[in-house]
Structure formats: structure tokens, C-alpha cells
C-alpha atoms as a PDB file:
ATOM      1  CA  MET A   1      93.248  40.956  92.352  1.00  0.00           C
ATOM      2  CA  ARG A   2      94.657  44.389  93.001  1.00  0.00           C
ATOM      3  CA  ILE A   3      95.161  46.860  90.150  1.00  0.00           C
ATOM      4  CA  TYR A   4      97.025  50.160  90.076  1.00  0.00           C
ATOM      5  CA  LYS A   5      96.651  53.642  88.611  1.00  0.00           C
ATOM      6  CA  ILE A   6      99.567  56.064  88.297  1.00  0.00           C
ATOM      7  CA  LEU A   7      98.630  59.738  88.269  1.00  0.00           C
ATOM      8  CA  SER A   8      99.817  63.133  89.405  1.00  0.00           C
ATOM      9  CA  ARG A   9      99.270  64.224  92.970  1.00  0.00           C
ATOM     10  CA  ALA A  10      97.264  67.207  91.620  1.00  0.00           C
ATOM     11  CA  GLU A  11      94.906  64.849  89.749  1.00  0.00           C
ATOM     12  CA  TRP A  12      94.424  62.777  92.900  1.00  0.00           C
ATOM     13  CA  THR A  13      93.804  65.845  95.056  1.00  0.00           C
ATOM     14  CA  ALA A  14      91.136  67.031  92.603  1.00  0.00           C
ATOM     15  CA  ALA A  15      89.569  63.556  92.531  1.00  0.00           C
ATOM     16  CA  GLU A  16      89.431  63.423  96.324  1.00  0.00           C
ATOM     17  CA  ALA A  17      87.652  66.785  96.395  1.00  0.00           C
ATOM     18  CA  ALA A  18      85.127  65.587  93.785  1.00  0.00           C
ATOM     19  CA  GLY A  19      84.737  62.087  95.230  1.00  0.00           C
ATOM     20  CA  ARG A  20      85.618  60.533  91.899  1.00  0.00           C
ATOM     21  CA  PHE A  21      88.406  60.377  89.334  1.00  0.00           C
ATOM     22  CA  GLN A  22      87.165  60.937  85.792  1.00  0.00           C
ATOM     23  CA  GLY A  23      90.543  60.127  84.242  1.00  0.00           C
ATOM     24  CA  SER A  24      93.709  61.864  83.159  1.00  0.00           C
ATOM     25  CA  ALA A  25      94.072  63.391  79.700  1.00  0.00           C
ATOM     26  CA  VAL A  26      95.054  60.098  78.037  1.00  0.00           C
ATOM     27  CA  ASP A  27      92.183  58.280  79.771  1.00  0.00           C
ATOM     28  CA  LEU A  28      89.658  60.847  78.584  1.00  0.00           C
ATOM     29  CA  LYS A  29      91.076  60.642  75.046  1.00  0.00           C
ATOM     30  CA  ASP A  30      90.875  56.835  75.007  1.00  0.00           C
ATOM     31  CA  GLY A  31      87.433  56.648  76.641  1.00  0.00           C
ATOM     32  CA  TYR A  32      88.450  54.605  79.697  1.00  0.00           C
ATOM     33  CA  ILE A  33      90.730  54.802  82.732  1.00  0.00           C
ATOM     34  CA  HIS A  34      93.970  52.872  82.246  1.00  0.00           C
ATOM     35  CA  PHE A  35      95.094  50.574  85.066  1.00  0.00           C
ATOM     36  CA  SER A  36      97.927  48.073  85.414  1.00  0.00           C
ATOM     37  CA  THR A  37      98.371  44.870  87.352  1.00  0.00           C
ATOM     38  CA  ALA A  38     101.204  44.626  89.861  1.00  0.00           C
ATOM     39  CA  ALA A  39     103.291  42.826  87.222  1.00  0.00           C
ATOM     40  CA  GLN A  40     102.623  45.576  84.635  1.00  0.00           C
ATOM     41  CA  ALA A  41     102.879  48.718  86.778  1.00  0.00           C
ATOM     42  CA  GLN A  42     106.650  49.282  86.727  1.00  0.00           C
ATOM     43  CA  GLU A  43     106.836  48.997  82.931  1.00  0.00           C
ATOM     44  CA  THR A  44     103.849  51.355  82.625  1.00  0.00           C
ATOM     45  CA  ALA A  45     105.696  53.829  84.852  1.00  0.00           C
ATOM     46  CA  ARG A  46     108.862  53.527  82.763  1.00  0.00           C
ATOM     47  CA  ARG A  47     107.081  53.923  79.409  1.00  0.00           C
ATOM     48  CA  HIS A  48     104.541  56.606  80.211  1.00  0.00           C
ATOM     49  CA  PHE A  49     105.734  58.526  83.279  1.00  0.00           C
ATOM     50  CA  ALA A  50     109.545  58.732  83.005  1.00  0.00           C
ATOM     51  CA  GLY A  51     110.890  62.012  84.324  1.00  0.00           C
ATOM     52  CA  GLN A  52     107.576  63.037  85.902  1.00  0.00           C
ATOM     53  CA  THR A  53     107.689  63.979  89.540  1.00  0.00           C
ATOM     54  CA  ASP A  54     105.012  64.230  92.229  1.00  0.00           C
ATOM     55  CA  LEU A  55     103.218  61.067  91.174  1.00  0.00           C
ATOM     56  CA  VAL A  56     101.096  58.747  93.277  1.00  0.00           C
ATOM     57  CA  VAL A  57      99.916  55.190  92.753  1.00  0.00           C
ATOM     58  CA  LEU A  58      96.384  54.151  93.637  1.00  0.00           C
ATOM     59  CA  GLU A  59      95.670  50.568  94.666  1.00  0.00           C
ATOM     60  CA  ILE A  60      92.186  49.212  93.920  1.00  0.00           C
ATOM     61  CA  GLU A  61      90.534  45.808  94.250  1.00  0.00           C
ATOM     62  CA  ALA A  62      89.541  44.904  90.683  1.00  0.00           C
ATOM     63  CA  ASP A  63      86.442  42.962  91.757  1.00  0.00           C
ATOM     64  CA  ASP A  64      85.070  46.084  93.459  1.00  0.00           C
ATOM     65  CA  LEU A  65      84.720  47.858  90.097  1.00  0.00           C
ATOM     66  CA  GLY A  66      82.079  45.537  88.672  1.00  0.00           C
ATOM     67  CA  PRO A  67      81.244  45.161  84.984  1.00  0.00           C
ATOM     68  CA  ALA A  68      82.635  48.598  84.077  1.00  0.00           C
ATOM     69  CA  LEU A  69      86.121  47.043  84.385  1.00  0.00           C
ATOM     70  CA  ARG A  70      87.172  45.185  81.264  1.00  0.00           C
ATOM     71  CA  TRP A  71      90.370  43.283  80.551  1.00  0.00           C
ATOM     72  CA  GLU A  72      91.620  44.171  77.088  1.00  0.00           C
ATOM     73  CA  ALA A  73      94.681  43.304  75.035  1.00  0.00           C
ATOM     74  CA  SER A  74      97.309  45.994  74.835  1.00  0.00           C
ATOM     75  CA  ARG A  75     101.114  46.078  75.004  1.00  0.00           C
ATOM     76  CA  GLY A  76     102.488  42.815  73.643  1.00  0.00           C
ATOM     77  CA  GLY A  77      99.070  41.167  73.822  1.00  0.00           C
ATOM     78  CA  ASP A  78      98.939  41.425  77.631  1.00  0.00           C
ATOM     79  CA  LEU A  79      95.501  41.977  79.098  1.00  0.00           C
ATOM     80  CA  PHE A  80      95.224  45.335  80.873  1.00  0.00           C
ATOM     81  CA  PRO A  81      92.374  46.473  83.117  1.00  0.00           C
ATOM     82  CA  HIS A  82      90.368  49.382  81.687  1.00  0.00           C
ATOM     83  CA  LEU A  83      87.572  51.106  83.594  1.00  0.00           C
ATOM     84  CA  TYR A  84      84.722  52.430  81.460  1.00  0.00           C
ATOM     85  CA  GLY A  85      83.420  55.070  83.826  1.00  0.00           C
ATOM     86  CA  PRO A  86      84.672  57.138  86.740  1.00  0.00           C
ATOM     87  CA  LEU A  87      86.616  55.715  89.661  1.00  0.00           C
ATOM     88  CA  GLU A  88      84.872  56.471  92.935  1.00  0.00           C
ATOM     89  CA  THR A  89      87.565  57.551  95.400  1.00  0.00           C
ATOM     90  CA  ALA A  90      85.963  55.374  98.097  1.00  0.00           C
ATOM     91  CA  ARG A  91      87.158  52.342  96.077  1.00  0.00           C
ATOM     92  CA  VAL A  92      90.818  53.297  96.508  1.00  0.00           C
ATOM     93  CA  LEU A  93      92.468  51.066  99.118  1.00  0.00           C
ATOM     94  CA  SER A  94      95.759  52.925  99.363  1.00  0.00           C
ATOM     95  CA  VAL A  95      97.745  55.781  97.861  1.00  0.00           C
ATOM     96  CA  ALA A  96     101.538  55.514  97.650  1.00  0.00           C
ATOM     97  CA  GLU A  97     104.301  57.852  96.546  1.00  0.00           C
ATOM     98  CA  ALA A  98     106.094  57.063  93.272  1.00  0.00           C
ATOM     99  CA  PRO A  99     109.514  58.748  93.507  1.00  0.00           C
ATOM    100  CA  LEU A 100     111.860  58.780  90.547  1.00  0.00           C
ATOM    101  CA  GLY A 101     114.496  56.075  90.517  1.00  0.00           C
ATOM    102  CA  PRO A 102     118.072  56.477  89.232  1.00  0.00           C
ATOM    103  CA  ASP A 103     116.916  55.704  85.671  1.00  0.00           C
ATOM    104  CA  GLY A 104     114.341  58.541  85.766  1.00  0.00           C
ATOM    105  CA  ALA A 105     111.347  56.193  85.929  1.00  0.00           C
ATOM    106  CA  PRO A 106     108.945  56.349  88.860  1.00  0.00           C
ATOM    107  CA  VAL A 107     109.476  53.536  91.351  1.00  0.00           C
ATOM    108  CA  ILE A 108     106.298  51.542  91.948  1.00  0.00           C
ATOM    109  CA  GLY A 109     106.004  49.544  95.130  1.00  0.00           C
END
């Protein structure tokens, strides 16, 4: 199963230079890196990234992250993937733009 991480282009550029993504501010505060499934990603973008420009979306194969990836209940009881540890940039399958749509929310996919 593929999972997705929305972040700023600047965060991704820094992660590429370091070879790993330690997490954005909210990830560091919560103690894990937040991801979404394909079905969850657009709502995550709408709720948490509305009005933000210059975003990218990382696509990762969940099985490649091993036991550090845990599925935990969150919004409405849905299970969300959370990574307890850094994301090695080599695990990222693709990086896509997330332009703002007419409603001000980033468009995922």
C-alpha cells in the first residue's frame, strides 16, 4: 500500500540534502511523522494545508518502512500511518506538486 506525506518544498529540499526527513514541526511535536493513505490525503490537505503554497507530496510504499510504521486511530476513528523515526529519502518513490485548487486547498493527485 502506498502512503503519502505533504510537506513544503523547502522541507523536502533540506531532507534530500540530509538523506532523511526528520519531520515537520507538527511531526516533531507529536513524536512521529504523519502520513495519509490515498483515500485520506485530500482531506488532510484541506484540513492542515489550506492556503499554503509550494507544497509537495511524497509517495512511499508502506511495507518498506518496517516496524517503525504504525497504524493508529485518528480523525473519526480512521487508522492513519505514523512513522516513529526518520524517513530515509531513498524510500520515497515519487515527489509531486500540490498546487492550490479553487477552494484554497492543495490538490493531491
